Each structure stands twice: as C-alpha cells, then as structure tokens.
C-alpha cells in the first residue's frame, strides 16, 4: 500500500518490490478462496491501486480533479463533515472526494499492465490445477467512470460515454468471466 501511495504522490518507488508484493497478494487471495472451496475465484483486484489511480494509469486523457459534492449522509449531519476532514487531513491517501476528470482524448494506454494482471492471475490459478471451475476478473463499467469522473473534453455525455467504452474495450477481451 505504501508503494502505491508513493506512486500516486509522484515519488520514485521500487517497482521490483511492488511487483513482488502484488504477486504475493494475488497468490494469497486466490489460495484463500481455493481453501474455502470457492468455485469461481477472482483476483480481488489485488494488483490494482485505488480505483481512480487505476483508471488514470490504464487510460490516458484523465488529469486534474474536480470536487465531488458531499452526499446526504454528510449534509444531513454537518458535524460529520468536520470529523471527516480532520481524519483526512491527518493521513496521506487517495480519496473519492477529488476524482480526476477527462481533459483530453481517452485511449487505453497501458496494455502491458492489463496483460501482466491477467498472466499473474493465470499463474495463481494454475497452482490449483482444474479444481477451480472458472475465474472472475473485474472490469470497470463505462457508466461507473462517466458518473464518477467528469469530463471537460467531450461535447456531451453521450460522446464521453462512447469514448470511455471504447477506451475500456481492451479490458473486456479477457479470458475470464467479467464482473
């Protein structure tokens, strides 16, 4: 987690150590699912950083941020806003309150990261032979991105939605069930 945070903050990180940690996490999560007889395991996104960082690292065109308005759970209880701000100010973390936005043309940029994630998952599954009947890997839905990450580049929401769907199409070519 600390290495992902460093990466998010633009610090130089030890990519070999990060790779080792990702491998260990993926093997562990698949093994735990196999140990409790889950028939269709997933990699639990163990090789991905936080959602918004993952999108920025896989799809080009996202940058800057916008401020997400507080939800009713905070607006109805104003004391919660100050308590949350106090907690967030004490830690360095990525959050959902200032997500990135599309400021340029969206393209799937890091094919290798997707291939690496799939190959690592296949390696983790292979340990269990044919015992696991199938496997599941998550791919973000375009509507999730459109609702969570605003845009300043596309002329309208439909064009933005289409651009997101086209950019993410590569992730849907996986050999796994998609969730």
C-alpha atoms as a PDB file:
ATOM      1  CA  UNK A   1       0.000   0.000   0.000  1.00  0.00           C
ATOM      2  CA  UNK A   2       2.807   2.412   0.873  1.00  0.00           C
ATOM      3  CA  UNK A   3       4.383   1.906  -2.558  1.00  0.00           C
ATOM      4  CA  UNK A   4       1.089   2.632  -4.328  1.00  0.00           C
ATOM      5  CA  UNK A   5       0.730   5.759  -2.244  1.00  0.00           C
ATOM      6  CA  UNK A   6       4.245   6.842  -3.126  1.00  0.00           C
ATOM      7  CA  UNK A   7       3.492   6.234  -6.801  1.00  0.00           C
ATOM      8  CA  UNK A   8       0.288   8.292  -6.509  1.00  0.00           C
ATOM      9  CA  UNK A   9       2.273  11.143  -4.976  1.00  0.00           C
ATOM     10  CA  UNK A  10       4.777  11.037  -7.840  1.00  0.00           C
ATOM     11  CA  UNK A  11       7.602   9.598  -5.751  1.00  0.00           C
ATOM     12  CA  UNK A  12      10.094   7.151  -7.143  1.00  0.00           C
ATOM     13  CA  UNK A  13       9.241   3.659  -5.916  1.00  0.00           C
ATOM     14  CA  UNK A  14      10.945   0.284  -6.020  1.00  0.00           C
ATOM     15  CA  UNK A  15       8.935  -1.339  -8.801  1.00  0.00           C
ATOM     16  CA  UNK A  16      10.524  -4.756  -8.171  1.00  0.00           C
ATOM     17  CA  UNK A  17       9.335  -4.732  -4.564  1.00  0.00           C
ATOM     18  CA  UNK A  18       5.909  -3.518  -5.663  1.00  0.00           C
ATOM     19  CA  UNK A  19       5.776  -6.357  -8.198  1.00  0.00           C
ATOM     20  CA  UNK A  20       6.730  -8.891  -5.515  1.00  0.00           C
ATOM     21  CA  UNK A  21       4.044  -7.547  -3.192  1.00  0.00           C
ATOM     22  CA  UNK A  22       1.424  -7.707  -5.952  1.00  0.00           C
ATOM     23  CA  UNK A  23       2.414 -11.295  -6.774  1.00  0.00           C
ATOM     24  CA  UNK A  24       2.251 -12.323  -3.119  1.00  0.00           C
ATOM     25  CA  UNK A  25      -1.133 -10.636  -2.659  1.00  0.00           C
ATOM     26  CA  UNK A  26      -2.624 -12.252  -5.774  1.00  0.00           C
ATOM     27  CA  UNK A  27      -1.338 -15.734  -4.860  1.00  0.00           C
ATOM     28  CA  UNK A  28      -2.615 -15.305  -1.317  1.00  0.00           C
ATOM     29  CA  UNK A  29      -6.104 -14.164  -2.294  1.00  0.00           C
ATOM     30  CA  UNK A  30      -6.551 -16.993  -4.821  1.00  0.00           C
ATOM     31  CA  UNK A  31      -5.226 -19.570  -2.334  1.00  0.00           C
ATOM     32  CA  UNK A  32      -7.603 -18.352   0.371  1.00  0.00           C
ATOM     33  CA  UNK A  33     -10.558 -18.624  -1.991  1.00  0.00           C
ATOM     34  CA  UNK A  34      -9.498 -22.135  -3.030  1.00  0.00           C
ATOM     35  CA  UNK A  35      -9.074 -23.139   0.639  1.00  0.00           C
ATOM     36  CA  UNK A  36     -12.733 -22.373   1.316  1.00  0.00           C
ATOM     37  CA  UNK A  37     -13.901 -24.102  -1.881  1.00  0.00           C
ATOM     38  CA  UNK A  38     -14.954 -21.054  -3.837  1.00  0.00           C
ATOM     39  CA  UNK A  39     -15.602 -22.409  -7.331  1.00  0.00           C
ATOM     40  CA  UNK A  40     -15.159 -19.170  -9.229  1.00  0.00           C
ATOM     41  CA  UNK A  41     -12.401 -17.117  -7.595  1.00  0.00           C
ATOM     42  CA  UNK A  42     -11.333 -13.624  -8.536  1.00  0.00           C
ATOM     43  CA  UNK A  43      -8.043 -11.822  -8.173  1.00  0.00           C
ATOM     44  CA  UNK A  44      -9.880  -9.353  -5.905  1.00  0.00           C
ATOM     45  CA  UNK A  45      -8.192  -6.557  -7.840  1.00  0.00           C
ATOM     46  CA  UNK A  46      -5.079  -7.199  -5.759  1.00  0.00           C
ATOM     47  CA  UNK A  47      -2.781  -5.860  -8.470  1.00  0.00           C
ATOM     48  CA  UNK A  48      -4.645  -2.576  -8.792  1.00  0.00           C
ATOM     49  CA  UNK A  49      -4.215   0.625  -6.890  1.00  0.00           C
ATOM     50  CA  UNK A  50      -7.218   2.692  -5.821  1.00  0.00           C
ATOM     51  CA  UNK A  51      -9.948   2.931  -8.455  1.00  0.00           C
ATOM     52  CA  UNK A  52      -9.230   6.444  -9.723  1.00  0.00           C
ATOM     53  CA  UNK A  53      -5.476   5.831  -9.837  1.00  0.00           C
ATOM     54  CA  UNK A  54      -6.051   2.572 -11.669  1.00  0.00           C
ATOM     55  CA  UNK A  55      -8.124   4.379 -14.299  1.00  0.00           C
ATOM     56  CA  UNK A  56      -5.556   7.158 -14.709  1.00  0.00           C
ATOM     57  CA  UNK A  57      -2.775   4.602 -15.100  1.00  0.00           C
ATOM     58  CA  UNK A  58      -4.638   2.482 -17.652  1.00  0.00           C
ATOM     59  CA  UNK A  59      -6.467   5.143 -19.667  1.00  0.00           C
ATOM     60  CA  UNK A  60      -4.837   8.317 -20.960  1.00  0.00           C
ATOM     61  CA  UNK A  61      -6.725  11.611 -21.008  1.00  0.00           C
ATOM     62  CA  UNK A  62      -7.572  11.850 -17.300  1.00  0.00           C
ATOM     63  CA  UNK A  63      -5.914  14.535 -15.173  1.00  0.00           C
ATOM     64  CA  UNK A  64      -6.750  17.411 -12.872  1.00  0.00           C
ATOM     65  CA  UNK A  65      -9.523  16.973 -10.350  1.00  0.00           C
ATOM     66  CA  UNK A  66     -12.971  18.228  -9.577  1.00  0.00           C
ATOM     67  CA  UNK A  67     -14.644  18.418  -6.190  1.00  0.00           C
ATOM     68  CA  UNK A  68     -17.373  15.893  -5.674  1.00  0.00           C
ATOM     69  CA  UNK A  69     -20.240  17.370  -3.673  1.00  0.00           C
ATOM     70  CA  UNK A  70     -20.856  15.890  -0.268  1.00  0.00           C
ATOM     71  CA  UNK A  71     -23.598  13.271  -0.108  1.00  0.00           C
ATOM     72  CA  UNK A  72     -26.695  13.462   2.063  1.00  0.00           C
ATOM     73  CA  UNK A  73     -25.015  11.321   4.702  1.00  0.00           C
ATOM     74  CA  UNK A  74     -22.688  14.257   5.286  1.00  0.00           C
ATOM     75  CA  UNK A  75     -25.036  17.132   4.503  1.00  0.00           C
ATOM     76  CA  UNK A  76     -27.659  15.858   6.940  1.00  0.00           C
ATOM     77  CA  UNK A  77     -25.037  15.630   9.684  1.00  0.00           C
ATOM     78  CA  UNK A  78     -22.725  18.662   9.328  1.00  0.00           C
ATOM     79  CA  UNK A  79     -20.610  17.531  12.265  1.00  0.00           C
ATOM     80  CA  UNK A  80     -19.626  14.534  10.127  1.00  0.00           C
ATOM     81  CA  UNK A  81     -18.024  16.819   7.533  1.00  0.00           C
ATOM     82  CA  UNK A  82     -15.636  18.351  10.038  1.00  0.00           C
ATOM     83  CA  UNK A  83     -14.868  14.950  11.569  1.00  0.00           C
ATOM     84  CA  UNK A  84     -14.127  13.502   8.129  1.00  0.00           C
ATOM     85  CA  UNK A  85     -11.955  16.484   7.155  1.00  0.00           C
ATOM     86  CA  UNK A  86      -9.999  16.102  10.387  1.00  0.00           C
ATOM     87  CA  UNK A  87      -9.376  12.413   9.678  1.00  0.00           C
ATOM     88  CA  UNK A  88      -8.428  13.012   6.034  1.00  0.00           C
ATOM     89  CA  UNK A  89      -6.080  15.866   6.915  1.00  0.00           C
ATOM     90  CA  UNK A  90      -4.105  13.549   9.213  1.00  0.00           C
ATOM     91  CA  UNK A  91      -3.326  10.957   6.567  1.00  0.00           C
ATOM     92  CA  UNK A  92      -1.943  10.885   3.104  1.00  0.00           C
ATOM     93  CA  UNK A  93      -4.309   8.877   0.957  1.00  0.00           C
ATOM     94  CA  UNK A  94      -6.192   8.864  -2.261  1.00  0.00           C
ATOM     95  CA  UNK A  95      -9.835   9.623  -1.857  1.00  0.00           C
ATOM     96  CA  UNK A  96     -13.124   9.821  -3.650  1.00  0.00           C
ATOM     97  CA  UNK A  97     -13.805  13.487  -2.956  1.00  0.00           C
ATOM     98  CA  UNK A  98     -11.471  14.884  -5.640  1.00  0.00           C
ATOM     99  CA  UNK A  99     -11.609  12.418  -8.539  1.00  0.00           C
ATOM    100  CA  UNK A 100      -9.835  13.071 -11.837  1.00  0.00           C
ATOM    101  CA  UNK A 101     -11.639  14.277 -14.930  1.00  0.00           C
ATOM    102  CA  UNK A 102     -11.209  13.714 -18.637  1.00  0.00           C
ATOM    103  CA  UNK A 103      -9.375  16.694 -20.099  1.00  0.00           C
ATOM    104  CA  UNK A 104      -8.201  15.045 -23.317  1.00  0.00           C
ATOM    105  CA  UNK A 105      -8.998  12.220 -25.692  1.00  0.00           C
ATOM    106  CA  UNK A 106      -9.331   8.895 -23.863  1.00  0.00           C
ATOM    107  CA  UNK A 107      -7.237   5.953 -25.022  1.00  0.00           C
ATOM    108  CA  UNK A 108      -6.303   2.691 -23.398  1.00  0.00           C
ATOM    109  CA  UNK A 109      -2.660   3.320 -22.715  1.00  0.00           C
ATOM    110  CA  UNK A 110      -1.183   0.519 -20.660  1.00  0.00           C
ATOM    111  CA  UNK A 111      -1.861  -2.774 -22.407  1.00  0.00           C
ATOM    112  CA  UNK A 112       1.090  -4.346 -20.587  1.00  0.00           C
ATOM    113  CA  UNK A 113      -0.451  -3.683 -17.172  1.00  0.00           C
ATOM    114  CA  UNK A 114      -3.623  -5.484 -18.206  1.00  0.00           C
ATOM    115  CA  UNK A 115      -1.664  -8.399 -19.681  1.00  0.00           C
ATOM    116  CA  UNK A 116       0.501  -8.609 -16.562  1.00  0.00           C
ATOM    117  CA  UNK A 117      -2.570  -8.672 -14.333  1.00  0.00           C
ATOM    118  CA  UNK A 118      -4.154 -11.470 -16.381  1.00  0.00           C
ATOM    119  CA  UNK A 119      -0.938 -13.516 -16.545  1.00  0.00           C
ATOM    120  CA  UNK A 120      -0.371 -13.210 -12.807  1.00  0.00           C
ATOM    121  CA  UNK A 121      -3.937 -14.343 -12.158  1.00  0.00           C
ATOM    122  CA  UNK A 122      -3.448 -17.314 -14.507  1.00  0.00           C
ATOM    123  CA  UNK A 123      -0.271 -18.224 -12.599  1.00  0.00           C
ATOM    124  CA  UNK A 124      -2.150 -18.105  -9.292  1.00  0.00           C
ATOM    125  CA  UNK A 125      -4.961 -20.272 -10.707  1.00  0.00           C
ATOM    126  CA  UNK A 126      -2.556 -22.800 -12.220  1.00  0.00           C
ATOM    127  CA  UNK A 127      -1.368 -23.803  -8.745  1.00  0.00           C
ATOM    128  CA  UNK A 128      -4.809 -25.330  -8.180  1.00  0.00           C
ATOM    129  CA  UNK A 129      -4.969 -27.292 -11.437  1.00  0.00           C
ATOM    130  CA  UNK A 130      -8.511 -27.991 -12.632  1.00  0.00           C
ATOM    131  CA  UNK A 131     -10.005 -27.658  -9.162  1.00  0.00           C
ATOM    132  CA  UNK A 132     -11.248 -24.144  -9.843  1.00  0.00           C
ATOM    133  CA  UNK A 133     -14.028 -24.276 -12.418  1.00  0.00           C
ATOM    134  CA  UNK A 134     -13.735 -20.753 -13.787  1.00  0.00           C
ATOM    135  CA  UNK A 135     -12.383 -17.370 -12.766  1.00  0.00           C
ATOM    136  CA  UNK A 136     -13.654 -13.832 -12.489  1.00  0.00           C
ATOM    137  CA  UNK A 137     -11.842 -10.585 -13.135  1.00  0.00           C
ATOM    138  CA  UNK A 138     -13.329  -7.143 -12.661  1.00  0.00           C
ATOM    139  CA  UNK A 139     -13.501  -4.599 -15.433  1.00  0.00           C
ATOM    140  CA  UNK A 140     -14.989  -1.178 -14.777  1.00  0.00           C
ATOM    141  CA  UNK A 141     -18.286  -0.365 -16.404  1.00  0.00           C
ATOM    142  CA  UNK A 142     -18.252   2.732 -18.582  1.00  0.00           C
ATOM    143  CA  UNK A 143     -21.241   4.149 -16.687  1.00  0.00           C
ATOM    144  CA  UNK A 144     -19.244   3.934 -13.437  1.00  0.00           C
ATOM    145  CA  UNK A 145     -16.484   6.018 -14.964  1.00  0.00           C
ATOM    146  CA  UNK A 146     -18.857   8.537 -16.536  1.00  0.00           C
ATOM    147  CA  UNK A 147     -20.689   9.063 -13.233  1.00  0.00           C
ATOM    148  CA  UNK A 148     -17.566   9.192 -11.067  1.00  0.00           C
ATOM    149  CA  UNK A 149     -15.162  11.072 -13.335  1.00  0.00           C
ATOM    150  CA  UNK A 150     -16.435  14.211 -15.035  1.00  0.00           C
ATOM    151  CA  UNK A 151     -15.185  15.488 -18.381  1.00  0.00           C
ATOM    152  CA  UNK A 152     -14.140  18.809 -19.895  1.00  0.00           C
ATOM    153  CA  UNK A 153     -13.123  17.456 -23.285  1.00  0.00           C
ATOM    154  CA  UNK A 154     -16.112  15.827 -24.962  1.00  0.00           C
ATOM    155  CA  UNK A 155     -19.019  17.871 -26.369  1.00  0.00           C
ATOM    156  CA  UNK A 156     -21.648  15.891 -24.456  1.00  0.00           C
ATOM    157  CA  UNK A 157     -22.239  12.969 -22.115  1.00  0.00           C
ATOM    158  CA  UNK A 158     -23.022  10.524 -24.950  1.00  0.00           C
ATOM    159  CA  UNK A 159     -19.696  11.202 -26.681  1.00  0.00           C
ATOM    160  CA  UNK A 160     -17.910  10.871 -23.338  1.00  0.00           C
ATOM    161  CA  UNK A 161     -19.666   7.576 -22.584  1.00  0.00           C
ATOM    162  CA  UNK A 162     -18.728   6.225 -26.025  1.00  0.00           C
ATOM    163  CA  UNK A 163     -15.101   7.294 -25.567  1.00  0.00           C
ATOM    164  CA  UNK A 164     -14.910   5.583 -22.162  1.00  0.00           C
ATOM    165  CA  UNK A 165     -16.473   2.390 -23.555  1.00  0.00           C
ATOM    166  CA  UNK A 166     -14.068   2.371 -26.491  1.00  0.00           C
ATOM    167  CA  UNK A 167     -11.042   3.003 -24.272  1.00  0.00           C
ATOM    168  CA  UNK A 168     -12.029   0.210 -21.879  1.00  0.00           C
ATOM    169  CA  UNK A 169     -12.857  -2.302 -24.636  1.00  0.00           C
ATOM    170  CA  UNK A 170      -9.392  -3.788 -24.292  1.00  0.00           C
ATOM    171  CA  UNK A 171     -10.137  -4.923 -20.736  1.00  0.00           C
ATOM    172  CA  UNK A 172     -13.213  -6.779 -21.922  1.00  0.00           C
ATOM    173  CA  UNK A 173     -11.095  -9.068 -24.105  1.00  0.00           C
ATOM    174  CA  UNK A 174     -10.012 -11.069 -21.060  1.00  0.00           C
ATOM    175  CA  UNK A 175     -10.255 -14.850 -20.985  1.00  0.00           C
ATOM    176  CA  UNK A 176     -12.187 -14.686 -17.719  1.00  0.00           C
ATOM    177  CA  UNK A 177     -15.748 -14.024 -16.701  1.00  0.00           C
ATOM    178  CA  UNK A 178     -16.138 -10.295 -16.228  1.00  0.00           C
ATOM    179  CA  UNK A 179     -17.794  -8.632 -13.273  1.00  0.00           C
END
